[in-house]
């Protein structure tokens, strides 16, 4: 997987949100908000490098006190949401 070109994480009024940069990505019908851990993970991969769910699981377990099984479950849900939102590519 990799992040889709033109999406960047920004902090607006204390909230982490994904902002579309460039006219081809603008869709004002929804705002993609991220909590602290998903924003941390986005920052790790937002430069367009390829990543896997295993990579994200490792980042999560390295940074937070979470067991691997829980992290893997959370990452599966997170990547499904990111794919649905159109901010990453398979």
C-alpha atoms as a PDB file:
ATOM      1  CA  UNK A   1       0.000   0.000   0.000  1.00  0.00           C
ATOM      2  CA  UNK A   2       0.951   3.634  -0.227  1.00  0.00           C
ATOM      3  CA  UNK A   3      -0.588   6.978   0.544  1.00  0.00           C
ATOM      4  CA  UNK A   4      -2.419   8.619  -2.319  1.00  0.00           C
ATOM      5  CA  UNK A   5      -0.630  11.640  -3.730  1.00  0.00           C
ATOM      6  CA  UNK A   6      -2.020  14.982  -2.676  1.00  0.00           C
ATOM      7  CA  UNK A   7      -3.202  14.186   0.854  1.00  0.00           C
ATOM      8  CA  UNK A   8      -1.416  15.680   3.856  1.00  0.00           C
ATOM      9  CA  UNK A   9      -1.973  15.598   7.592  1.00  0.00           C
ATOM     10  CA  UNK A  10      -2.579  18.982   9.160  1.00  0.00           C
ATOM     11  CA  UNK A  11      -3.555  20.122  12.631  1.00  0.00           C
ATOM     12  CA  UNK A  12      -6.490  22.535  12.587  1.00  0.00           C
ATOM     13  CA  UNK A  13      -7.883  23.879  15.868  1.00  0.00           C
ATOM     14  CA  UNK A  14      -6.194  21.028  17.716  1.00  0.00           C
ATOM     15  CA  UNK A  15      -7.664  18.323  15.457  1.00  0.00           C
ATOM     16  CA  UNK A  16      -5.630  16.090  13.134  1.00  0.00           C
ATOM     17  CA  UNK A  17      -7.241  16.094   9.711  1.00  0.00           C
ATOM     18  CA  UNK A  18      -6.277  14.954   6.246  1.00  0.00           C
ATOM     19  CA  UNK A  19      -6.250  17.813   3.772  1.00  0.00           C
ATOM     20  CA  UNK A  20      -6.456  17.331   0.027  1.00  0.00           C
ATOM     21  CA  UNK A  21      -3.890  19.381  -1.849  1.00  0.00           C
ATOM     22  CA  UNK A  22      -4.604  20.043  -5.497  1.00  0.00           C
ATOM     23  CA  UNK A  23      -7.877  20.564  -7.314  1.00  0.00           C
ATOM     24  CA  UNK A  24      -8.214  16.903  -8.376  1.00  0.00           C
ATOM     25  CA  UNK A  25      -8.534  15.762  -4.754  1.00  0.00           C
ATOM     26  CA  UNK A  26     -10.954  18.354  -3.418  1.00  0.00           C
ATOM     27  CA  UNK A  27     -14.127  16.849  -1.973  1.00  0.00           C
ATOM     28  CA  UNK A  28     -15.764  19.071   0.593  1.00  0.00           C
ATOM     29  CA  UNK A  29     -18.501  16.546   1.388  1.00  0.00           C
ATOM     30  CA  UNK A  30     -16.392  14.952   4.138  1.00  0.00           C
ATOM     31  CA  UNK A  31     -13.487  15.677   6.409  1.00  0.00           C
ATOM     32  CA  UNK A  32     -11.098  12.912   7.402  1.00  0.00           C
ATOM     33  CA  UNK A  33     -10.229  13.284  11.075  1.00  0.00           C
ATOM     34  CA  UNK A  34      -7.564  11.197  12.792  1.00  0.00           C
ATOM     35  CA  UNK A  35      -6.920  10.417  16.423  1.00  0.00           C
ATOM     36  CA  UNK A  36      -3.418  10.592  17.897  1.00  0.00           C
ATOM     37  CA  UNK A  37      -2.357   7.050  16.994  1.00  0.00           C
ATOM     38  CA  UNK A  38      -3.702   7.110  13.423  1.00  0.00           C
ATOM     39  CA  UNK A  39      -2.053  10.507  12.876  1.00  0.00           C
ATOM     40  CA  UNK A  40       1.221   9.044  14.180  1.00  0.00           C
ATOM     41  CA  UNK A  41       0.934   6.176  11.690  1.00  0.00           C
ATOM     42  CA  UNK A  42       0.034   8.522   8.816  1.00  0.00           C
ATOM     43  CA  UNK A  43       3.153  10.593   9.504  1.00  0.00           C
ATOM     44  CA  UNK A  44       5.251   7.410   9.272  1.00  0.00           C
ATOM     45  CA  UNK A  45       3.985   6.612   5.756  1.00  0.00           C
ATOM     46  CA  UNK A  46       2.747   9.873   4.204  1.00  0.00           C
ATOM     47  CA  UNK A  47       5.823  10.365   2.022  1.00  0.00           C
ATOM     48  CA  UNK A  48       4.526   7.866  -0.535  1.00  0.00           C
ATOM     49  CA  UNK A  49       6.699   4.915   0.425  1.00  0.00           C
ATOM     50  CA  UNK A  50       5.214   1.435   0.148  1.00  0.00           C
ATOM     51  CA  UNK A  51       4.019  -0.031   3.439  1.00  0.00           C
ATOM     52  CA  UNK A  52       2.173  -3.090   4.667  1.00  0.00           C
ATOM     53  CA  UNK A  53      -0.220  -3.760   7.511  1.00  0.00           C
ATOM     54  CA  UNK A  54       2.686  -5.543   9.196  1.00  0.00           C
ATOM     55  CA  UNK A  55       4.731  -2.328   9.006  1.00  0.00           C
ATOM     56  CA  UNK A  56       1.919  -0.332  10.610  1.00  0.00           C
ATOM     57  CA  UNK A  57       1.464  -2.988  13.291  1.00  0.00           C
ATOM     58  CA  UNK A  58       5.165  -2.777  14.128  1.00  0.00           C
ATOM     59  CA  UNK A  59       5.078   1.036  14.293  1.00  0.00           C
ATOM     60  CA  UNK A  60       2.071   0.860  16.597  1.00  0.00           C
ATOM     61  CA  UNK A  61       3.548  -1.712  18.984  1.00  0.00           C
ATOM     62  CA  UNK A  62       6.879   0.128  19.066  1.00  0.00           C
ATOM     63  CA  UNK A  63       5.255   3.456  19.983  1.00  0.00           C
ATOM     64  CA  UNK A  64       2.324   2.444  22.189  1.00  0.00           C
ATOM     65  CA  UNK A  65       1.734  -0.091  24.934  1.00  0.00           C
ATOM     66  CA  UNK A  66      -0.430  -2.438  22.876  1.00  0.00           C
ATOM     67  CA  UNK A  67      -0.089  -6.152  22.243  1.00  0.00           C
ATOM     68  CA  UNK A  68       0.460  -7.400  18.704  1.00  0.00           C
ATOM     69  CA  UNK A  69      -2.947  -9.089  18.333  1.00  0.00           C
ATOM     70  CA  UNK A  70      -4.813  -5.929  19.321  1.00  0.00           C
ATOM     71  CA  UNK A  71      -2.572  -3.774  17.136  1.00  0.00           C
ATOM     72  CA  UNK A  72      -3.112  -6.074  14.134  1.00  0.00           C
ATOM     73  CA  UNK A  73      -6.898  -5.916  14.594  1.00  0.00           C
ATOM     74  CA  UNK A  74      -6.809  -2.119  14.868  1.00  0.00           C
ATOM     75  CA  UNK A  75      -4.554  -1.821  11.809  1.00  0.00           C
ATOM     76  CA  UNK A  76      -6.874  -4.015   9.734  1.00  0.00           C
ATOM     77  CA  UNK A  77      -9.763  -1.681  10.577  1.00  0.00           C
ATOM     78  CA  UNK A  78      -7.651   1.433  10.014  1.00  0.00           C
ATOM     79  CA  UNK A  79      -6.389   0.428   6.573  1.00  0.00           C
ATOM     80  CA  UNK A  80      -9.930  -0.577   5.544  1.00  0.00           C
ATOM     81  CA  UNK A  81     -11.118   2.916   6.548  1.00  0.00           C
ATOM     82  CA  UNK A  82      -8.225   4.603   4.747  1.00  0.00           C
ATOM     83  CA  UNK A  83      -8.947   2.589   1.578  1.00  0.00           C
ATOM     84  CA  UNK A  84     -12.661   3.431   1.787  1.00  0.00           C
ATOM     85  CA  UNK A  85     -11.830   7.116   2.241  1.00  0.00           C
ATOM     86  CA  UNK A  86      -9.562   6.963  -0.826  1.00  0.00           C
ATOM     87  CA  UNK A  87      -6.448   8.297   0.888  1.00  0.00           C
ATOM     88  CA  UNK A  88      -4.306   5.193   0.309  1.00  0.00           C
ATOM     89  CA  UNK A  89      -3.837   2.887  -2.652  1.00  0.00           C
ATOM     90  CA  UNK A  90      -3.617  -0.917  -2.378  1.00  0.00           C
END
